[in-house]
PDB file of N, CA and C in Angstrom:
ATOM      1  N   UNK A   1     -11.271  11.763  13.550  1.00  0.00           N
ATOM      2  CA  UNK A   1     -11.480  11.034  12.316  1.00  0.00           C
ATOM      3  C   UNK A   1     -12.406  11.872  11.430  1.00  0.00           C
ATOM      4  N   UNK A   2     -12.111  11.846  10.155  1.00  0.00           N
ATOM      5  CA  UNK A   2     -12.919  12.590   9.193  1.00  0.00           C
ATOM      6  C   UNK A   2     -13.996  11.686   8.608  1.00  0.00           C
ATOM      7  N   UNK A   3     -15.141  12.264   8.336  1.00  0.00           N
ATOM      8  CA  UNK A   3     -16.216  11.522   7.681  1.00  0.00           C
ATOM      9  C   UNK A   3     -15.907  11.417   6.189  1.00  0.00           C
ATOM     10  N   UNK A   4     -16.624  10.558   5.507  1.00  0.00           N
ATOM     11  CA  UNK A   4     -16.451  10.429   4.062  1.00  0.00           C
ATOM     12  C   UNK A   4     -16.724  11.741   3.349  1.00  0.00           C
ATOM     13  N   UNK A   5     -17.742  12.441   3.798  1.00  0.00           N
ATOM     14  CA  UNK A   5     -18.077  13.742   3.201  1.00  0.00           C
ATOM     15  C   UNK A   5     -16.937  14.737   3.404  1.00  0.00           C
ATOM     16  N   UNK A   6     -16.350  14.740   4.589  1.00  0.00           N
ATOM     17  CA  UNK A   6     -15.234  15.650   4.865  1.00  0.00           C
ATOM     18  C   UNK A   6     -14.027  15.323   3.987  1.00  0.00           C
ATOM     19  N   UNK A   7     -13.733  14.037   3.817  1.00  0.00           N
ATOM     20  CA  UNK A   7     -12.616  13.642   2.960  1.00  0.00           C
ATOM     21  C   UNK A   7     -12.860  14.072   1.520  1.00  0.00           C
ATOM     22  N   UNK A   8     -14.091  13.928   1.078  1.00  0.00           N
ATOM     23  CA  UNK A   8     -14.445  14.369  -0.268  1.00  0.00           C
ATOM     24  C   UNK A   8     -14.252  15.875  -0.416  1.00  0.00           C
ATOM     25  N   UNK A   9     -14.670  16.628   0.595  1.00  0.00           N
ATOM     26  CA  UNK A   9     -14.528  18.085   0.554  1.00  0.00           C
ATOM     27  C   UNK A   9     -13.056  18.499   0.584  1.00  0.00           C
ATOM     28  N   UNK A  10     -12.247  17.794   1.345  1.00  0.00           N
ATOM     29  CA  UNK A  10     -10.805  18.075   1.381  1.00  0.00           C
ATOM     30  C   UNK A  10     -10.215  17.889  -0.018  1.00  0.00           C
ATOM     31  N   UNK A  11     -10.574  16.797  -0.677  1.00  0.00           N
ATOM     32  CA  UNK A  11     -10.073  16.544  -2.035  1.00  0.00           C
ATOM     33  C   UNK A  11     -10.535  17.630  -3.001  1.00  0.00           C
ATOM     34  N   UNK A  12     -11.784  18.044  -2.887  1.00  0.00           N
ATOM     35  CA  UNK A  12     -12.309  19.106  -3.744  1.00  0.00           C
ATOM     36  C   UNK A  12     -11.575  20.413  -3.497  1.00  0.00           C
ATOM     37  N   UNK A  13     -11.337  20.747  -2.238  1.00  0.00           N
ATOM     38  CA  UNK A  13     -10.616  21.980  -1.905  1.00  0.00           C
ATOM     39  C   UNK A  13      -9.205  21.968  -2.482  1.00  0.00           C
ATOM     40  N   UNK A  14      -8.515  20.844  -2.348  1.00  0.00           N
ATOM     41  CA  UNK A  14      -7.151  20.722  -2.879  1.00  0.00           C
ATOM     42  C   UNK A  14      -7.172  20.900  -4.397  1.00  0.00           C
ATOM     43  N   UNK A  15      -8.115  20.245  -5.048  1.00  0.00           N
ATOM     44  CA  UNK A  15      -8.224  20.353  -6.507  1.00  0.00           C
ATOM     45  C   UNK A  15      -8.486  21.793  -6.928  1.00  0.00           C
ATOM     46  N   UNK A  16      -9.428  22.451  -6.245  1.00  0.00           N
ATOM     47  CA  UNK A  16      -9.767  23.830  -6.595  1.00  0.00           C
ATOM     48  C   UNK A  16      -8.587  24.779  -6.398  1.00  0.00           C
ATOM     49  N   UNK A  17      -7.826  24.572  -5.335  1.00  0.00           N
ATOM     50  CA  UNK A  17      -6.646  25.412  -5.106  1.00  0.00           C
ATOM     51  C   UNK A  17      -5.620  25.206  -6.213  1.00  0.00           C
ATOM     52  N   UNK A  18      -5.433  23.970  -6.634  1.00  0.00           N
ATOM     53  CA  UNK A  18      -4.482  23.685  -7.712  1.00  0.00           C
ATOM     54  C   UNK A  18      -4.943  24.324  -9.022  1.00  0.00           C
ATOM     55  N   UNK A  19      -6.232  24.277  -9.288  1.00  0.00           N
ATOM     56  CA  UNK A  19      -6.770  24.903 -10.503  1.00  0.00           C
ATOM     57  C   UNK A  19      -6.555  26.410 -10.457  1.00  0.00           C
ATOM     58  N   UNK A  20      -6.834  27.031  -9.312  1.00  0.00           N
ATOM     59  CA  UNK A  20      -6.625  28.483  -9.184  1.00  0.00           C
ATOM     60  C   UNK A  20      -5.158  28.849  -9.403  1.00  0.00           C
ATOM     61  N   UNK A  21      -4.251  28.077  -8.798  1.00  0.00           N
ATOM     62  CA  UNK A  21      -2.816  28.339  -8.968  1.00  0.00           C
ATOM     63  C   UNK A  21      -2.394  28.139 -10.426  1.00  0.00           C
ATOM     64  N   UNK A  22      -2.967  27.137 -11.076  1.00  0.00           N
ATOM     65  CA  UNK A  22      -2.665  26.896 -12.488  1.00  0.00           C
ATOM     66  C   UNK A  22      -3.079  28.098 -13.328  1.00  0.00           C
ATOM     67  N   UNK A  23      -4.248  28.645 -13.052  1.00  0.00           N
ATOM     68  CA  UNK A  23      -4.731  29.816 -13.790  1.00  0.00           C
ATOM     69  C   UNK A  23      -3.850  31.027 -13.497  1.00  0.00           C
ATOM     70  N   UNK A  24      -3.518  31.239 -12.222  1.00  0.00           N
ATOM     71  CA  UNK A  24      -2.677  32.380 -11.838  1.00  0.00           C
ATOM     72  C   UNK A  24      -1.291  32.304 -12.472  1.00  0.00           C
ATOM     73  N   UNK A  25      -0.688  31.125 -12.450  1.00  0.00           N
ATOM     74  CA  UNK A  25       0.688  30.952 -12.930  1.00  0.00           C
ATOM     75  C   UNK A  25       0.779  30.659 -14.423  1.00  0.00           C
ATOM     76  N   UNK A  26      -0.380  30.386 -15.028  1.00  0.00           N
ATOM     77  CA  UNK A  26      -0.452  30.041 -16.453  1.00  0.00           C
ATOM     78  C   UNK A  26       0.410  28.824 -16.793  1.00  0.00           C
ATOM     79  N   UNK A  27       0.532  27.934 -15.826  1.00  0.00           N
ATOM     80  CA  UNK A  27       1.169  26.634 -16.065  1.00  0.00           C
ATOM     81  C   UNK A  27       0.621  25.645 -15.042  1.00  0.00           C
ATOM     82  N   UNK A  28       0.673  24.373 -15.403  1.00  0.00           N
ATOM     83  CA  UNK A  28       0.117  23.334 -14.533  1.00  0.00           C
ATOM     84  C   UNK A  28       0.799  23.314 -13.170  1.00  0.00           C
ATOM     85  N   UNK A  29      -0.025  23.180 -12.152  1.00  0.00           N
ATOM     86  CA  UNK A  29       0.470  23.031 -10.783  1.00  0.00           C
ATOM     87  C   UNK A  29       0.067  21.629 -10.327  1.00  0.00           C
ATOM     88  N   UNK A  30       1.021  20.712 -10.241  1.00  0.00           N
ATOM     89  CA  UNK A  30       0.673  19.354  -9.819  1.00  0.00           C
ATOM     90  C   UNK A  30       0.253  19.319  -8.348  1.00  0.00           C
ATOM     91  N   UNK A  31      -0.708  18.478  -8.061  1.00  0.00           N
ATOM     92  CA  UNK A  31      -1.166  18.312  -6.683  1.00  0.00           C
ATOM     93  C   UNK A  31      -0.147  17.442  -5.948  1.00  0.00           C
ATOM     94  N   UNK A  32       0.250  17.909  -4.770  1.00  0.00           N
ATOM     95  CA  UNK A  32       1.249  17.199  -3.967  1.00  0.00           C
ATOM     96  C   UNK A  32       0.696  16.939  -2.567  1.00  0.00           C
ATOM     97  N   UNK A  33       1.356  16.073  -1.832  1.00  0.00           N
ATOM     98  CA  UNK A  33       0.945  15.757  -0.464  1.00  0.00           C
ATOM     99  C   UNK A  33       0.870  17.014   0.389  1.00  0.00           C
ATOM    100  N   UNK A  34       1.751  17.968   0.143  1.00  0.00           N
ATOM    101  CA  UNK A  34       1.771  19.226   0.903  1.00  0.00           C
ATOM    102  C   UNK A  34       0.420  19.938   0.817  1.00  0.00           C
ATOM    103  N   UNK A  35      -0.229  19.892  -0.339  1.00  0.00           N
ATOM    104  CA  UNK A  35      -1.540  20.523  -0.500  1.00  0.00           C
ATOM    105  C   UNK A  35      -2.565  19.889   0.452  1.00  0.00           C
ATOM    106  N   UNK A  36      -2.519  18.568   0.554  1.00  0.00           N
ATOM    107  CA  UNK A  36      -3.436  17.870   1.460  1.00  0.00           C
ATOM    108  C   UNK A  36      -3.106  18.194   2.919  1.00  0.00           C
ATOM    109  N   UNK A  37      -1.828  18.194   3.251  1.00  0.00           N
ATOM    110  CA  UNK A  37      -1.417  18.492   4.628  1.00  0.00           C
ATOM    111  C   UNK A  37      -1.861  19.894   5.040  1.00  0.00           C
ATOM    112  N   UNK A  38      -1.693  20.871   4.148  1.00  0.00           N
ATOM    113  CA  UNK A  38      -2.105  22.248   4.446  1.00  0.00           C
ATOM    114  C   UNK A  38      -3.613  22.351   4.641  1.00  0.00           C
ATOM    115  N   UNK A  39      -4.359  21.680   3.784  1.00  0.00           N
ATOM    116  CA  UNK A  39      -5.823  21.726   3.867  1.00  0.00           C
ATOM    117  C   UNK A  39      -6.317  21.017   5.123  1.00  0.00           C
ATOM    118  N   UNK A  40      -5.769  19.855   5.423  1.00  0.00           N
ATOM    119  CA  UNK A  40      -6.180  19.095   6.607  1.00  0.00           C
ATOM    120  C   UNK A  40      -5.824  19.845   7.889  1.00  0.00           C
ATOM    121  N   UNK A  41      -4.701  20.544   7.881  1.00  0.00           N
ATOM    122  CA  UNK A  41      -4.278  21.293   9.073  1.00  0.00           C
ATOM    123  C   UNK A  41      -5.279  22.378   9.447  1.00  0.00           C
ATOM    124  N   UNK A  42      -6.068  22.816   8.486  1.00  0.00           N
ATOM    125  CA  UNK A  42      -7.043  23.887   8.726  1.00  0.00           C
ATOM    126  C   UNK A  42      -8.420  23.352   9.103  1.00  0.00           C
ATOM    127  N   UNK A  43      -8.570  22.029   9.136  1.00  0.00           N
ATOM    128  CA  UNK A  43      -9.877  21.424   9.418  1.00  0.00           C
ATOM    129  C   UNK A  43      -9.813  20.540  10.656  1.00  0.00           C
ATOM    130  N   UNK A  44     -10.865  20.610  11.425  1.00  0.00           N
ATOM    131  CA  UNK A  44     -10.993  19.743  12.592  1.00  0.00           C
ATOM    132  C   UNK A  44     -11.952  18.609  12.227  1.00  0.00           C
ATOM    133  N   UNK A  45     -11.574  17.362  12.501  1.00  0.00           N
ATOM    134  CA  UNK A  45     -12.471  16.241  12.191  1.00  0.00           C
ATOM    135  C   UNK A  45     -13.770  16.335  12.993  1.00  0.00           C
ATOM    136  N   UNK A  46     -14.855  15.911  12.379  1.00  0.00           N
ATOM    137  CA  UNK A  46     -16.151  15.988  13.059  1.00  0.00           C
ATOM    138  C   UNK A  46     -16.449  14.749  13.896  1.00  0.00           C
ATOM    139  N   UNK A  47     -15.713  13.677  13.685  1.00  0.00           N
ATOM    140  CA  UNK A  47     -15.973  12.438  14.411  1.00  0.00           C
ATOM    141  C   UNK A  47     -14.934  12.288  15.521  1.00  0.00           C
ATOM    142  N   UNK A  48     -15.414  12.241  16.751  1.00  0.00           N
ATOM    143  CA  UNK A  48     -14.506  12.166  17.899  1.00  0.00           C
ATOM    144  C   UNK A  48     -13.993  10.739  18.103  1.00  0.00           C
ATOM    145  N   UNK A  49     -12.933  10.629  18.887  1.00  0.00           N
ATOM    146  CA  UNK A  49     -12.387   9.308  19.215  1.00  0.00           C
ATOM    147  C   UNK A  49     -13.419   8.479  19.963  1.00  0.00           C
ATOM    148  N   UNK A  50     -14.204   9.139  20.803  1.00  0.00           N
ATOM    149  CA  UNK A  50     -15.239   8.439  21.564  1.00  0.00           C
ATOM    150  C   UNK A  50     -16.280   7.831  20.629  1.00  0.00           C
ATOM    151  N   UNK A  51     -16.654   8.573  19.594  1.00  0.00           N
ATOM    152  CA  UNK A  51     -17.636   8.051  18.641  1.00  0.00           C
ATOM    153  C   UNK A  51     -17.073   6.854  17.877  1.00  0.00           C
ATOM    154  N   UNK A  52     -15.816   6.917  17.526  1.00  0.00           N
ATOM    155  CA  UNK A  52     -15.175   5.795  16.831  1.00  0.00           C
ATOM    156  C   UNK A  52     -15.158   4.568  17.739  1.00  0.00           C
ATOM    157  N   UNK A  53     -14.789   4.756  18.996  1.00  0.00           N
ATOM    158  CA  UNK A  53     -14.767   3.643  19.948  1.00  0.00           C
ATOM    159  C   UNK A  53     -16.159   3.045  20.127  1.00  0.00           C
ATOM    160  N   UNK A  54     -17.171   3.900  20.223  1.00  0.00           N
ATOM    161  CA  UNK A  54     -18.548   3.423  20.369  1.00  0.00           C
ATOM    162  C   UNK A  54     -18.961   2.606  19.143  1.00  0.00           C
ATOM    163  N   UNK A  55     -18.635   3.104  17.965  1.00  0.00           N
ATOM    164  CA  UNK A  55     -18.956   2.384  16.738  1.00  0.00           C
ATOM    165  C   UNK A  55     -18.262   1.022  16.701  1.00  0.00           C
ATOM    166  N   UNK A  56     -16.989   0.984  17.077  1.00  0.00           N
ATOM    167  CA  UNK A  56     -16.246  -0.278  17.052  1.00  0.00           C
ATOM    168  C   UNK A  56     -16.830  -1.288  18.034  1.00  0.00           C
ATOM    169  N   UNK A  57     -17.283  -0.813  19.195  1.00  0.00           N
ATOM    170  CA  UNK A  57     -17.920  -1.713  20.165  1.00  0.00           C
ATOM    171  C   UNK A  57     -19.224  -2.272  19.606  1.00  0.00           C
ATOM    172  N   UNK A  58     -20.011  -1.413  18.973  1.00  0.00           N
ATOM    173  CA  UNK A  58     -21.260  -1.876  18.365  1.00  0.00           C
ATOM    174  C   UNK A  58     -20.983  -2.866  17.240  1.00  0.00           C
ATOM    175  N   UNK A  59     -19.985  -2.572  16.448  1.00  0.00           N
ATOM    176  CA  UNK A  59     -19.617  -3.467  15.353  1.00  0.00           C
ATOM    177  C   UNK A  59     -19.235  -4.839  15.895  1.00  0.00           C
ATOM    178  N   UNK A  60     -18.423  -4.848  16.947  1.00  0.00           N
ATOM    179  CA  UNK A  60     -17.999  -6.111  17.549  1.00  0.00           C
ATOM    180  C   UNK A  60     -19.197  -6.859  18.127  1.00  0.00           C
ATOM    181  N   UNK A  61     -20.070  -6.129  18.810  1.00  0.00           N
ATOM    182  CA  UNK A  61     -21.244  -6.749  19.427  1.00  0.00           C
ATOM    183  C   UNK A  61     -22.138  -7.401  18.376  1.00  0.00           C
ATOM    184  N   UNK A  62     -22.416  -6.691  17.299  1.00  0.00           N
ATOM    185  CA  UNK A  62     -23.355  -7.192  16.303  1.00  0.00           C
ATOM    186  C   UNK A  62     -22.720  -8.184  15.331  1.00  0.00           C
ATOM    187  N   UNK A  63     -21.413  -8.138  15.165  1.00  0.00           N
ATOM    188  CA  UNK A  63     -20.784  -9.111  14.263  1.00  0.00           C
ATOM    189  C   UNK A  63     -20.656 -10.475  14.936  1.00  0.00           C
ATOM    190  N   UNK A  64     -20.712 -10.499  16.267  1.00  0.00           N
ATOM    191  CA  UNK A  64     -20.636 -11.757  17.012  1.00  0.00           C
ATOM    192  C   UNK A  64     -22.013 -12.333  17.330  1.00  0.00           C
ATOM    193  N   UNK A  65     -23.059 -11.629  16.959  1.00  0.00           N
ATOM    194  CA  UNK A  65     -24.421 -12.073  17.294  1.00  0.00           C
ATOM    195  C   UNK A  65     -24.887 -13.192  16.402  1.00  0.00           C
TER     196      UNK A  65
END
């Protein structure tokens, strides 16, 4: 799972790549899902499944208190 900061950085990276391509090609390059898929494929999430499970258990414990 990606953190909020990581998701923000992914969006920034995609935007910056599109801007660079727009400048190189001298025409607008629309952002597509493929840009996100390529960027995400190069990044490993910092939040493990175990951490997510631990958080969900804590959430359940404290929401029932």
